[in-house]
Amino acid sequence: MTRNNRARQRMRRHHADLHRCRLNFDPRQDDMSRPEQGWHVDDYRQQLPPEPPGPPIFGGSWEIACNLIRDYQYADPAIIREICRSGPPEPGRNMLLEARFYGLRFYLGLRVGDVVDTIIEQDGRQARVWGWSYQTLEGHLERGQMDQEVRKWLDTGEVEFHIHGFSQAASTPHPIVRFGFLLFGRYMQLKFYKRACRRMRALTTAKLAT
């Protein structure tokens, strides 16, 4: 058996065990909107190729971008190498990410929170929105939640990718991991967000061209 096959089997075992894990924070009690309590609050928006005003068009920028976030394709493979899950985002469904940093491998367990498929109104404007959120499980290096969605503003045809996250470092008993995350965790997190936005625009543009 090759090393890659062994790694995939190990990852599948970890994924199968996630049903035993609880969230490593309580979204009902932890006030994640308050930076003074140690939470990082991040909000990133990336403009994507526009469409004509009105509802999303078949094969257009909004539909392509929705498929990309459904499959988590915007994640930079230089940061997130592998993804293990049992299907598309659904509330309560578990997924496992494999992150690598300076030769170290970390398995990051997540649970899908909400899936959003609606029309919102903001400042008198309407937008068609599709997206989903995930929350961190026990054993994750972080605590918190990340929302990812695609919006199309119906009046102008503008399409945008939106990431909104609350996070803080999770406690870990391993002193080297704890120290490394203290030094580099926030840097890697912001790097992930920025690269996700650039990658989302590049992938959407490329798929539109084909």
N, C-alpha and C. Protein backbone atom coordinates (compact mmCIF):
# COMPACT_ATOMS: atom_id res chain seq x y z
N MET A 1 0.85 -1.20 0.00
CA MET A 1 0.00 0.00 0.00
C MET A 1 0.88 1.24 0.00
N THR A 2 0.60 2.20 -0.87
CA THR A 2 1.40 3.40 -0.98
C THR A 2 1.14 4.33 0.19
N ARG A 3 2.06 5.29 0.37
CA ARG A 3 1.91 6.25 1.46
C ARG A 3 0.64 7.07 1.30
N ASN A 4 0.32 7.46 0.05
CA ASN A 4 -0.89 8.24 -0.18
C ASN A 4 -2.14 7.47 0.19
N ASN A 5 -2.18 6.17 -0.16
CA ASN A 5 -3.35 5.35 0.18
C ASN A 5 -3.49 5.20 1.70
N ARG A 6 -2.37 5.04 2.38
CA ARG A 6 -2.42 4.93 3.84
C ARG A 6 -2.92 6.23 4.45
N ALA A 7 -2.46 7.35 3.90
CA ALA A 7 -2.91 8.65 4.43
C ALA A 7 -4.40 8.84 4.21
N ARG A 8 -4.90 8.41 3.05
CA ARG A 8 -6.34 8.57 2.78
C ARG A 8 -7.17 7.67 3.69
N GLN A 9 -6.69 6.44 3.93
CA GLN A 9 -7.41 5.56 4.85
C GLN A 9 -7.44 6.14 6.25
N ARG A 10 -6.32 6.70 6.69
CA ARG A 10 -6.27 7.31 8.02
C ARG A 10 -7.24 8.48 8.10
N MET A 11 -7.30 9.26 7.03
CA MET A 11 -8.21 10.40 7.02
C MET A 11 -9.66 9.95 7.05
N ARG A 12 -9.99 8.88 6.32
CA ARG A 12 -11.36 8.37 6.34
C ARG A 12 -11.74 7.87 7.72
N ARG A 13 -10.78 7.27 8.43
CA ARG A 13 -11.07 6.82 9.80
C ARG A 13 -11.34 8.01 10.71
N HIS A 14 -10.52 9.05 10.58
CA HIS A 14 -10.75 10.25 11.38
C HIS A 14 -12.13 10.85 11.07
N HIS A 15 -12.48 10.88 9.79
CA HIS A 15 -13.78 11.44 9.41
C HIS A 15 -14.92 10.62 9.99
N ALA A 16 -14.78 9.29 9.96
CA ALA A 16 -15.84 8.43 10.49
C ALA A 16 -16.04 8.62 11.99
N ASP A 17 -15.00 9.07 12.69
CA ASP A 17 -15.09 9.26 14.14
C ASP A 17 -15.63 10.63 14.53
N LEU A 18 -15.84 11.51 13.58
CA LEU A 18 -16.26 12.87 13.92
C LEU A 18 -17.64 12.93 14.56
N HIS A 19 -18.47 11.93 14.32
CA HIS A 19 -19.82 11.98 14.90
C HIS A 19 -19.77 11.95 16.42
N ARG A 20 -18.63 11.49 16.98
CA ARG A 20 -18.48 11.45 18.44
C ARG A 20 -18.06 12.81 19.00
N CYS A 21 -17.63 13.72 18.14
CA CYS A 21 -17.09 15.00 18.60
C CYS A 21 -18.19 16.05 18.74
N ARG A 22 -18.03 16.88 19.74
CA ARG A 22 -18.92 18.01 19.93
C ARG A 22 -18.25 19.27 19.39
N LEU A 23 -19.04 20.33 19.23
CA LEU A 23 -18.43 21.62 18.93
C LEU A 23 -17.50 22.01 20.07
N ASN A 24 -16.39 22.67 19.74
CA ASN A 24 -15.47 23.08 20.81
C ASN A 24 -15.77 24.50 21.32
N PHE A 25 -16.97 24.99 21.02
CA PHE A 25 -17.46 26.25 21.58
C PHE A 25 -18.98 26.17 21.59
N ASP A 26 -19.60 27.10 22.29
CA ASP A 26 -21.06 27.12 22.37
C ASP A 26 -21.58 28.37 21.68
N PRO A 27 -22.09 28.24 20.45
CA PRO A 27 -22.56 29.44 19.73
C PRO A 27 -23.73 30.13 20.41
N ARG A 28 -24.40 29.46 21.34
CA ARG A 28 -25.51 30.08 22.04
C ARG A 28 -25.04 30.96 23.19
N GLN A 29 -23.83 30.68 23.71
CA GLN A 29 -23.36 31.42 24.87
C GLN A 29 -22.13 32.28 24.57
N ASP A 30 -21.24 31.81 23.70
CA ASP A 30 -20.05 32.59 23.39
C ASP A 30 -20.42 33.77 22.50
N ASP A 31 -20.13 34.97 22.96
CA ASP A 31 -20.42 36.17 22.18
C ASP A 31 -19.27 36.39 21.20
N MET A 32 -19.41 35.85 20.00
CA MET A 32 -18.32 35.85 19.04
C MET A 32 -18.16 37.19 18.33
N SER A 33 -19.04 38.14 18.59
CA SER A 33 -18.94 39.44 17.93
C SER A 33 -18.11 40.44 18.74
N ARG A 34 -17.51 39.98 19.83
CA ARG A 34 -16.79 40.89 20.73
C ARG A 34 -15.29 40.60 20.72
N PRO A 35 -14.52 41.39 19.97
CA PRO A 35 -13.07 41.18 19.93
C PRO A 35 -12.41 41.27 21.29
N GLU A 36 -12.98 42.07 22.21
CA GLU A 36 -12.36 42.21 23.52
C GLU A 36 -12.38 40.91 24.32
N GLN A 37 -13.20 39.95 23.90
CA GLN A 37 -13.22 38.64 24.56
C GLN A 37 -12.33 37.62 23.84
N GLY A 38 -11.45 38.12 23.00
CA GLY A 38 -10.48 37.25 22.35
C GLY A 38 -10.89 36.71 21.00
N TRP A 39 -12.02 37.17 20.47
CA TRP A 39 -12.48 36.68 19.17
C TRP A 39 -11.97 37.57 18.04
N HIS A 40 -11.48 36.94 16.99
CA HIS A 40 -11.18 37.65 15.75
C HIS A 40 -12.45 37.67 14.90
N VAL A 41 -12.80 38.82 14.38
CA VAL A 41 -13.97 38.96 13.51
C VAL A 41 -13.45 39.38 12.14
N ASP A 42 -13.66 38.55 11.13
CA ASP A 42 -13.13 38.80 9.80
C ASP A 42 -14.26 38.85 8.78
N ASP A 43 -14.12 39.76 7.84
CA ASP A 43 -15.13 39.92 6.79
C ASP A 43 -14.41 40.27 5.49
N TYR A 44 -14.54 39.39 4.50
CA TYR A 44 -13.89 39.59 3.20
C TYR A 44 -14.94 39.50 2.10
N ARG A 45 -14.83 40.40 1.12
CA ARG A 45 -15.73 40.40 -0.03
C ARG A 45 -14.89 40.49 -1.30
N GLN A 46 -15.21 39.63 -2.25
CA GLN A 46 -14.50 39.60 -3.51
C GLN A 46 -15.48 39.75 -4.66
N GLN A 47 -15.30 40.79 -5.46
CA GLN A 47 -16.15 40.97 -6.63
C GLN A 47 -15.82 39.90 -7.67
N LEU A 48 -16.88 39.32 -8.25
CA LEU A 48 -16.75 38.31 -9.29
C LEU A 48 -17.30 38.88 -10.59
N PRO A 49 -17.05 38.23 -11.73
CA PRO A 49 -17.60 38.75 -12.99
C PRO A 49 -19.11 38.99 -12.88
N PRO A 50 -19.59 40.13 -13.31
CA PRO A 50 -21.01 40.46 -13.16
C PRO A 50 -21.89 39.75 -14.17
N GLU A 51 -23.19 39.82 -13.92
CA GLU A 51 -24.21 39.30 -14.83
C GLU A 51 -25.16 40.45 -15.18
N PRO A 52 -26.05 40.24 -16.14
CA PRO A 52 -27.09 41.25 -16.36
C PRO A 52 -27.99 41.36 -15.13
N PRO A 53 -28.60 42.51 -14.91
CA PRO A 53 -29.53 42.65 -13.77
C PRO A 53 -30.65 41.62 -13.85
N GLY A 54 -31.21 41.29 -12.68
CA GLY A 54 -32.28 40.30 -12.61
C GLY A 54 -31.79 39.01 -11.97
N PRO A 55 -32.62 37.97 -12.02
CA PRO A 55 -32.25 36.69 -11.40
C PRO A 55 -30.98 36.11 -12.02
N PRO A 56 -30.25 35.23 -11.28
CA PRO A 56 -29.06 34.58 -11.84
C PRO A 56 -29.38 33.86 -13.15
N ILE A 57 -28.42 33.89 -14.08
CA ILE A 57 -28.62 33.24 -15.37
C ILE A 57 -27.97 31.87 -15.36
N PHE A 58 -28.47 30.99 -16.19
CA PHE A 58 -27.94 29.62 -16.29
C PHE A 58 -26.49 29.67 -16.77
N GLY A 59 -25.61 28.99 -16.04
CA GLY A 59 -24.20 28.95 -16.41
C GLY A 59 -23.46 30.23 -16.19
N GLY A 60 -24.06 31.16 -15.46
CA GLY A 60 -23.43 32.45 -15.22
C GLY A 60 -22.51 32.45 -14.02
N SER A 61 -22.01 33.63 -13.71
CA SER A 61 -21.02 33.79 -12.65
C SER A 61 -21.56 33.32 -11.30
N TRP A 62 -22.81 33.68 -10.97
CA TRP A 62 -23.37 33.31 -9.67
C TRP A 62 -23.48 31.79 -9.54
N GLU A 63 -23.99 31.12 -10.56
CA GLU A 63 -24.16 29.67 -10.51
C GLU A 63 -22.81 28.96 -10.41
N ILE A 64 -21.83 29.41 -11.19
CA ILE A 64 -20.49 28.82 -11.14
C ILE A 64 -19.89 28.99 -9.75
N ALA A 65 -20.00 30.19 -9.20
CA ALA A 65 -19.42 30.46 -7.89
C ALA A 65 -20.09 29.63 -6.80
N CYS A 66 -21.41 29.43 -6.91
CA CYS A 66 -22.11 28.58 -5.94
C CYS A 66 -21.57 27.16 -5.97
N ASN A 67 -21.32 26.63 -7.16
CA ASN A 67 -20.77 25.28 -7.27
C ASN A 67 -19.36 25.21 -6.68
N LEU A 68 -18.59 26.28 -6.83
CA LEU A 68 -17.23 26.30 -6.28
C LEU A 68 -17.24 26.28 -4.76
N ILE A 69 -18.13 27.05 -4.15
CA ILE A 69 -18.14 27.04 -2.68
C ILE A 69 -18.82 25.78 -2.16
N ARG A 70 -19.75 25.20 -2.92
CA ARG A 70 -20.36 23.94 -2.51
C ARG A 70 -19.30 22.85 -2.37
N ASP A 71 -18.34 22.84 -3.29
CA ASP A 71 -17.29 21.83 -3.30
C ASP A 71 -16.03 22.28 -2.59
N TYR A 72 -16.05 23.45 -1.96
CA TYR A 72 -14.91 23.98 -1.20
C TYR A 72 -13.67 24.14 -2.09
N GLN A 73 -13.90 24.45 -3.36
CA GLN A 73 -12.78 24.54 -4.29
C GLN A 73 -11.99 25.83 -4.15
N TYR A 74 -12.53 26.80 -3.44
CA TYR A 74 -11.80 28.06 -3.29
C TYR A 74 -10.64 27.95 -2.31
N ALA A 75 -10.57 26.87 -1.53
CA ALA A 75 -9.48 26.70 -0.57
C ALA A 75 -8.17 26.44 -1.32
N ASP A 76 -7.15 27.18 -0.98
CA ASP A 76 -5.85 27.05 -1.63
C ASP A 76 -5.24 25.69 -1.27
N PRO A 77 -4.94 24.83 -2.26
CA PRO A 77 -4.37 23.51 -1.93
C PRO A 77 -2.99 23.59 -1.29
N ALA A 78 -2.34 24.74 -1.36
CA ALA A 78 -1.06 24.88 -0.66
C ALA A 78 -1.26 24.97 0.85
N ILE A 79 -2.50 25.28 1.28
CA ILE A 79 -2.81 25.39 2.71
C ILE A 79 -3.67 24.21 3.16
N ILE A 80 -4.73 23.92 2.41
CA ILE A 80 -5.60 22.78 2.69
C ILE A 80 -5.36 21.73 1.61
N ARG A 81 -4.74 20.60 1.97
CA ARG A 81 -4.33 19.62 0.98
C ARG A 81 -5.43 18.62 0.63
N GLU A 82 -6.20 18.21 1.62
CA GLU A 82 -7.20 17.17 1.40
C GLU A 82 -8.50 17.56 2.09
N ILE A 83 -9.60 17.06 1.54
CA ILE A 83 -10.91 17.28 2.14
C ILE A 83 -11.65 15.95 2.15
N CYS A 84 -12.22 15.60 3.28
CA CYS A 84 -12.97 14.35 3.39
C CYS A 84 -14.37 14.68 3.93
N ARG A 85 -15.40 14.25 3.18
CA ARG A 85 -16.77 14.48 3.62
C ARG A 85 -17.66 13.46 2.93
N SER A 86 -18.92 13.44 3.34
CA SER A 86 -19.83 12.41 2.83
C SER A 86 -20.86 12.96 1.86
N GLY A 87 -20.70 14.20 1.39
CA GLY A 87 -21.65 14.76 0.44
C GLY A 87 -21.64 16.27 0.49
N PRO A 88 -22.52 16.92 -0.25
CA PRO A 88 -22.58 18.38 -0.27
C PRO A 88 -23.01 18.93 1.09
N PRO A 89 -22.84 20.23 1.31
CA PRO A 89 -23.18 20.81 2.62
C PRO A 89 -24.64 20.60 2.99
N GLU A 90 -24.84 20.03 4.17
CA GLU A 90 -26.16 19.89 4.77
C GLU A 90 -26.01 20.11 6.27
N PRO A 91 -26.98 20.75 6.91
CA PRO A 91 -26.87 21.00 8.35
C PRO A 91 -26.58 19.71 9.12
N GLY A 92 -25.55 19.76 9.97
CA GLY A 92 -25.18 18.61 10.79
C GLY A 92 -24.19 17.67 10.14
N ARG A 93 -23.90 17.84 8.86
CA ARG A 93 -22.96 16.94 8.16
C ARG A 93 -21.53 17.30 8.54
N ASN A 94 -20.69 16.29 8.75
CA ASN A 94 -19.31 16.50 9.17
C ASN A 94 -18.37 16.52 7.97
N MET A 95 -17.28 17.27 8.11
CA MET A 95 -16.23 17.25 7.11
C MET A 95 -14.89 17.37 7.82
N LEU A 96 -13.86 16.87 7.15
CA LEU A 96 -12.52 16.85 7.74
C LEU A 96 -11.55 17.46 6.75
N LEU A 97 -10.77 18.42 7.20
CA LEU A 97 -9.74 19.03 6.39
C LEU A 97 -8.37 18.55 6.86
N GLU A 98 -7.45 18.45 5.91
CA GLU A 98 -6.06 18.18 6.26
C GLU A 98 -5.24 19.41 5.90
N ALA A 99 -4.68 20.05 6.91
CA ALA A 99 -3.83 21.21 6.70
C ALA A 99 -2.39 20.81 6.98
N ARG A 100 -1.48 21.37 6.18
CA ARG A 100 -0.06 21.10 6.38
C ARG A 100 0.69 22.40 6.53
N PHE A 101 1.63 22.38 7.46
CA PHE A 101 2.41 23.57 7.74
C PHE A 101 3.80 23.15 8.18
N TYR A 102 4.82 23.52 7.37
CA TYR A 102 6.21 23.19 7.66
C TYR A 102 6.40 21.71 7.99
N GLY A 103 5.81 20.86 7.16
CA GLY A 103 6.00 19.42 7.32
C GLY A 103 5.08 18.76 8.33
N LEU A 104 4.31 19.54 9.08
CA LEU A 104 3.37 18.99 10.05
C LEU A 104 1.99 18.85 9.40
N ARG A 105 1.28 17.80 9.79
CA ARG A 105 -0.06 17.54 9.26
C ARG A 105 -1.07 17.68 10.39
N PHE A 106 -2.15 18.42 10.13
CA PHE A 106 -3.19 18.62 11.13
C PHE A 106 -4.53 18.23 10.52
N TYR A 107 -5.31 17.43 11.26
CA TYR A 107 -6.66 17.10 10.85
C TYR A 107 -7.62 18.03 11.58
N LEU A 108 -8.48 18.70 10.80
CA LEU A 108 -9.36 19.72 11.34
C LEU A 108 -10.81 19.31 11.11
N GLY A 109 -11.50 18.95 12.18
CA GLY A 109 -12.88 18.50 12.08
C GLY A 109 -13.86 19.66 12.12
N LEU A 110 -14.87 19.59 11.24
CA LEU A 110 -15.86 20.66 11.12
C LEU A 110 -17.25 20.06 11.01
N ARG A 111 -18.24 20.86 11.36
CA ARG A 111 -19.64 20.44 11.20
C ARG A 111 -20.42 21.57 10.51
N VAL A 112 -21.16 21.19 9.48
CA VAL A 112 -21.94 22.18 8.75
C VAL A 112 -23.03 22.73 9.65
N GLY A 113 -23.16 24.06 9.67
CA GLY A 113 -24.21 24.71 10.44
C GLY A 113 -25.44 24.94 9.58
N ASP A 114 -25.57 26.14 9.05
CA ASP A 114 -26.72 26.49 8.22
C ASP A 114 -26.37 26.45 6.74
N VAL A 115 -27.37 26.15 5.92
CA VAL A 115 -27.28 26.32 4.47
C VAL A 115 -28.31 27.38 4.09
N VAL A 116 -27.86 28.43 3.40
CA VAL A 116 -28.71 29.57 3.08
C VAL A 116 -29.03 29.55 1.59
N ASP A 117 -30.29 29.66 1.26
CA ASP A 117 -30.74 29.73 -0.14
C ASP A 117 -31.96 30.63 -0.17
N THR A 118 -31.74 31.93 -0.41
CA THR A 118 -32.82 32.88 -0.22
C THR A 118 -32.56 34.18 -0.98
N ILE A 119 -33.48 35.11 -0.86
CA ILE A 119 -33.31 36.48 -1.34
C ILE A 119 -33.32 37.38 -0.11
N ILE A 120 -32.30 38.20 0.01
CA ILE A 120 -32.22 39.12 1.13
C ILE A 120 -32.46 40.56 0.64
N GLU A 121 -32.80 41.43 1.55
CA GLU A 121 -32.94 42.86 1.23
C GLU A 121 -32.02 43.64 2.15
N GLN A 122 -31.21 44.50 1.57
CA GLN A 122 -30.25 45.28 2.34
C GLN A 122 -30.18 46.69 1.75
N ASP A 123 -30.46 47.67 2.59
CA ASP A 123 -30.44 49.08 2.16
C ASP A 123 -31.33 49.30 0.94
N GLY A 124 -32.48 48.63 0.93
CA GLY A 124 -33.43 48.80 -0.15
C GLY A 124 -33.10 48.03 -1.41
N ARG A 125 -32.06 47.20 -1.38
CA ARG A 125 -31.65 46.41 -2.53
C ARG A 125 -31.87 44.93 -2.23
N GLN A 126 -32.15 44.16 -3.25
CA GLN A 126 -32.34 42.72 -3.08
C GLN A 126 -31.17 41.96 -3.69
N ALA A 127 -30.82 40.84 -3.05
CA ALA A 127 -29.74 40.00 -3.54
C ALA A 127 -30.15 38.54 -3.42
N ARG A 128 -29.83 37.78 -4.42
CA ARG A 128 -30.00 36.32 -4.39
C ARG A 128 -28.77 35.73 -3.74
N VAL A 129 -28.98 34.91 -2.70
CA VAL A 129 -27.87 34.42 -1.87
C VAL A 129 -27.91 32.90 -1.77
N TRP A 130 -26.76 32.28 -1.94
CA TRP A 130 -26.60 30.86 -1.60
C TRP A 130 -25.28 30.70 -0.87
N GLY A 131 -25.29 29.90 0.20
CA GLY A 131 -24.05 29.67 0.93
C GLY A 131 -24.27 28.75 2.11
N TRP A 132 -23.23 28.57 2.88
CA TRP A 132 -23.30 27.68 4.03
C TRP A 132 -22.23 28.07 5.04
N SER A 133 -22.36 27.54 6.24
CA SER A 133 -21.40 27.83 7.31
C SER A 133 -20.90 26.53 7.90
N TYR A 134 -19.72 26.60 8.52
CA TYR A 134 -19.25 25.45 9.30
C TYR A 134 -18.71 25.92 10.63
N GLN A 135 -18.74 24.98 11.59
CA GLN A 135 -18.31 25.26 12.95
C GLN A 135 -17.26 24.23 13.36
N THR A 136 -16.34 24.63 14.22
CA THR A 136 -15.21 23.80 14.59
C THR A 136 -15.58 22.76 15.66
N LEU A 137 -14.96 21.59 15.54
CA LEU A 137 -15.20 20.49 16.46
C LEU A 137 -14.02 20.32 17.42
N GLU A 138 -14.23 19.50 18.44
CA GLU A 138 -13.17 19.17 19.38
C GLU A 138 -11.95 18.65 18.63
N GLY A 139 -10.77 19.12 19.03
CA GLY A 139 -9.54 18.71 18.37
C GLY A 139 -9.06 19.69 17.31
N HIS A 140 -9.93 20.62 16.91
CA HIS A 140 -9.53 21.65 15.94
C HIS A 140 -8.57 22.63 16.61
N LEU A 141 -7.69 23.24 15.82
CA LEU A 141 -6.75 24.22 16.36
C LEU A 141 -7.42 25.55 16.69
N GLU A 142 -8.61 25.77 16.13
CA GLU A 142 -9.34 27.00 16.37
C GLU A 142 -10.71 26.69 16.96
N ARG A 143 -11.34 27.73 17.47
CA ARG A 143 -12.74 27.68 17.87
C ARG A 143 -13.48 28.73 17.06
N GLY A 144 -14.65 28.37 16.53
CA GLY A 144 -15.41 29.39 15.85
C GLY A 144 -16.19 28.91 14.65
N GLN A 145 -16.56 29.85 13.82
CA GLN A 145 -17.47 29.58 12.70
C GLN A 145 -17.05 30.41 11.50
N MET A 146 -17.23 29.84 10.31
CA MET A 146 -17.00 30.61 9.09
C MET A 146 -18.19 30.45 8.16
N ASP A 147 -18.70 31.57 7.65
CA ASP A 147 -19.79 31.59 6.67
C ASP A 147 -19.19 31.91 5.30
N GLN A 148 -19.64 31.19 4.28
CA GLN A 148 -19.22 31.48 2.92
C GLN A 148 -20.46 31.51 2.03
N GLU A 149 -20.58 32.55 1.23
CA GLU A 149 -21.77 32.68 0.41
C GLU A 149 -21.47 33.47 -0.86
N VAL A 150 -22.37 33.33 -1.84
CA VAL A 150 -22.29 34.09 -3.08
C VAL A 150 -23.56 34.91 -3.19
N ARG A 151 -23.42 36.19 -3.49
CA ARG A 151 -24.56 37.08 -3.62
C ARG A 151 -24.61 37.66 -5.04
N LYS A 152 -25.81 37.77 -5.57
CA LYS A 152 -26.03 38.53 -6.80
C LYS A 152 -27.03 39.63 -6.50
N TRP A 153 -26.61 40.88 -6.70
CA TRP A 153 -27.49 42.02 -6.49
C TRP A 153 -28.38 42.17 -7.72
N LEU A 154 -29.67 42.04 -7.52
CA LEU A 154 -30.60 41.93 -8.64
C LEU A 154 -30.76 43.23 -9.42
N ASP A 155 -30.49 44.37 -8.78
CA ASP A 155 -30.68 45.65 -9.49
C ASP A 155 -29.54 45.97 -10.45
N THR A 156 -28.33 45.54 -10.12
CA THR A 156 -27.16 45.89 -10.94
C THR A 156 -26.53 44.69 -11.63
N GLY A 157 -26.77 43.47 -11.11
CA GLY A 157 -26.11 42.29 -11.66
C GLY A 157 -24.76 42.00 -11.04
N GLU A 158 -24.34 42.80 -10.06
CA GLU A 158 -23.06 42.55 -9.39
C GLU A 158 -23.10 41.19 -8.67
N VAL A 159 -22.00 40.47 -8.74
CA VAL A 159 -21.87 39.18 -8.06
C VAL A 159 -20.66 39.27 -7.14
N GLU A 160 -20.80 38.78 -5.91
CA GLU A 160 -19.69 38.84 -4.98
C GLU A 160 -19.61 37.57 -4.13
N PHE A 161 -18.38 37.23 -3.79
CA PHE A 161 -18.07 36.15 -2.86
C PHE A 161 -17.83 36.78 -1.50
N HIS A 162 -18.45 36.21 -0.46
CA HIS A 162 -18.42 36.81 0.86
C HIS A 162 -18.00 35.76 1.89
N ILE A 163 -16.96 36.08 2.66
CA ILE A 163 -16.53 35.25 3.79
C ILE A 163 -16.68 36.07 5.06
N HIS A 164 -17.31 35.48 6.06
CA HIS A 164 -17.44 36.13 7.36
C HIS A 164 -17.12 35.10 8.44
N GLY A 165 -16.18 35.43 9.32
CA GLY A 165 -15.75 34.44 10.30
C GLY A 165 -15.54 35.01 11.69
N PHE A 166 -15.78 34.15 12.70
CA PHE A 166 -15.44 34.42 14.09
C PHE A 166 -14.49 33.32 14.53
N SER A 167 -13.39 33.66 15.16
CA SER A 167 -12.46 32.61 15.56
C SER A 167 -11.55 33.07 16.69
N GLN A 168 -11.03 32.08 17.40
CA GLN A 168 -9.98 32.28 18.37
C GLN A 168 -9.23 30.96 18.52
N ALA A 169 -8.05 31.02 19.07
CA ALA A 169 -7.25 29.80 19.23
C ALA A 169 -7.93 28.86 20.22
N ALA A 170 -7.90 27.57 19.90
CA ALA A 170 -8.41 26.55 20.82
C ALA A 170 -7.28 26.08 21.72
N SER A 171 -7.63 25.57 22.87
CA SER A 171 -6.62 25.02 23.77
C SER A 171 -6.13 23.68 23.25
N THR A 172 -4.85 23.46 23.31
CA THR A 172 -4.27 22.19 22.88
C THR A 172 -3.22 21.77 23.89
N PRO A 173 -3.15 20.48 24.24
CA PRO A 173 -2.19 20.06 25.26
C PRO A 173 -0.75 19.99 24.74
N HIS A 174 -0.56 20.01 23.42
CA HIS A 174 0.78 19.84 22.85
C HIS A 174 1.50 21.20 22.87
N PRO A 175 2.58 21.35 23.63
CA PRO A 175 3.20 22.68 23.78
C PRO A 175 3.80 23.20 22.48
N ILE A 176 4.36 22.34 21.64
CA ILE A 176 4.97 22.80 20.39
C ILE A 176 3.88 23.31 19.44
N VAL A 177 2.79 22.54 19.34
CA VAL A 177 1.67 22.97 18.49
C VAL A 177 1.09 24.27 19.01
N ARG A 178 0.92 24.37 20.32
CA ARG A 178 0.35 25.58 20.92
C ARG A 178 1.23 26.79 20.64
N PHE A 179 2.54 26.63 20.78
CA PHE A 179 3.48 27.73 20.53
C PHE A 179 3.50 28.09 19.04
N GLY A 180 3.51 27.08 18.18
CA GLY A 180 3.52 27.33 16.75
C GLY A 180 2.27 28.05 16.28
N PHE A 181 1.12 27.64 16.82
CA PHE A 181 -0.12 28.30 16.43
C PHE A 181 -0.15 29.74 16.94
N LEU A 182 0.40 29.96 18.13
CA LEU A 182 0.46 31.32 18.67
C LEU A 182 1.27 32.23 17.76
N LEU A 183 2.36 31.69 17.18
CA LEU A 183 3.22 32.49 16.32
C LEU A 183 2.65 32.66 14.91
N PHE A 184 2.12 31.57 14.35
CA PHE A 184 1.79 31.57 12.93
C PHE A 184 0.30 31.39 12.61
N GLY A 185 -0.51 31.05 13.62
CA GLY A 185 -1.90 30.72 13.33
C GLY A 185 -2.68 31.86 12.70
N ARG A 186 -2.57 33.05 13.28
CA ARG A 186 -3.32 34.19 12.74
C ARG A 186 -2.82 34.57 11.34
N TYR A 187 -1.50 34.49 11.16
CA TYR A 187 -0.93 34.78 9.84
C TYR A 187 -1.47 33.83 8.78
N MET A 188 -1.53 32.53 9.09
CA MET A 188 -2.02 31.55 8.13
C MET A 188 -3.52 31.72 7.89
N GLN A 189 -4.25 32.11 8.92
CA GLN A 189 -5.68 32.32 8.77
C GLN A 189 -5.97 33.46 7.79
N LEU A 190 -5.30 34.60 7.96
CA LEU A 190 -5.50 35.72 7.05
C LEU A 190 -5.01 35.39 5.64
N LYS A 191 -3.94 34.62 5.57
CA LYS A 191 -3.44 34.18 4.27
C LYS A 191 -4.49 33.31 3.56
N PHE A 192 -5.14 32.44 4.32
CA PHE A 192 -6.20 31.60 3.75
C PHE A 192 -7.32 32.45 3.18
N TYR A 193 -7.80 33.43 3.94
CA TYR A 193 -8.90 34.29 3.49
C TYR A 193 -8.53 35.02 2.19
N LYS A 194 -7.36 35.63 2.17
CA LYS A 194 -6.96 36.44 1.02
C LYS A 194 -6.78 35.57 -0.22
N ARG A 195 -6.15 34.42 -0.05
CA ARG A 195 -5.96 33.53 -1.20
C ARG A 195 -7.29 32.94 -1.66
N ALA A 196 -8.21 32.69 -0.72
CA ALA A 196 -9.53 32.17 -1.11
C ALA A 196 -10.24 33.15 -2.02
N CYS A 197 -10.16 34.44 -1.69
CA CYS A 197 -10.82 35.45 -2.53
C CYS A 197 -10.20 35.50 -3.92
N ARG A 198 -8.87 35.52 -3.99
CA ARG A 198 -8.21 35.57 -5.30
C ARG A 198 -8.50 34.31 -6.11
N ARG A 199 -8.46 33.18 -5.45
CA ARG A 199 -8.69 31.91 -6.15
C ARG A 199 -10.15 31.83 -6.63
N MET A 200 -11.08 32.33 -5.84
CA MET A 200 -12.48 32.30 -6.22
C MET A 200 -12.70 33.12 -7.50
N ARG A 201 -12.11 34.28 -7.57
CA ARG A 201 -12.27 35.10 -8.78
C ARG A 201 -11.62 34.42 -9.98
N ALA A 202 -10.41 33.89 -9.79
CA ALA A 202 -9.70 33.26 -10.90
C ALA A 202 -10.46 32.04 -11.42
N LEU A 203 -10.98 31.19 -10.52
CA LEU A 203 -11.69 29.98 -10.95
C LEU A 203 -13.01 30.34 -11.64
N THR A 204 -13.72 31.32 -11.09
CA THR A 204 -14.99 31.72 -11.71
C THR A 204 -14.75 32.28 -13.11
N THR A 205 -13.75 33.13 -13.24
CA THR A 205 -13.43 33.72 -14.55
C THR A 205 -13.03 32.64 -15.55
N ALA A 206 -12.23 31.68 -15.10
CA ALA A 206 -11.76 30.62 -16.00
C ALA A 206 -12.91 29.74 -16.45
N LYS A 207 -13.83 29.40 -15.55
CA LYS A 207 -14.96 28.55 -15.93
C LYS A 207 -15.93 29.29 -16.84
N LEU A 208 -16.07 30.58 -16.65
CA LEU A 208 -16.91 31.36 -17.57
C LEU A 208 -16.34 31.34 -18.98
N ALA A 209 -15.03 31.35 -19.07
CA ALA A 209 -14.38 31.39 -20.38
C ALA A 209 -14.54 30.08 -21.15
N THR A 210 -14.81 29.00 -20.44
CA THR A 210 -14.93 27.71 -21.11
C THR A 210 -16.39 27.31 -21.28
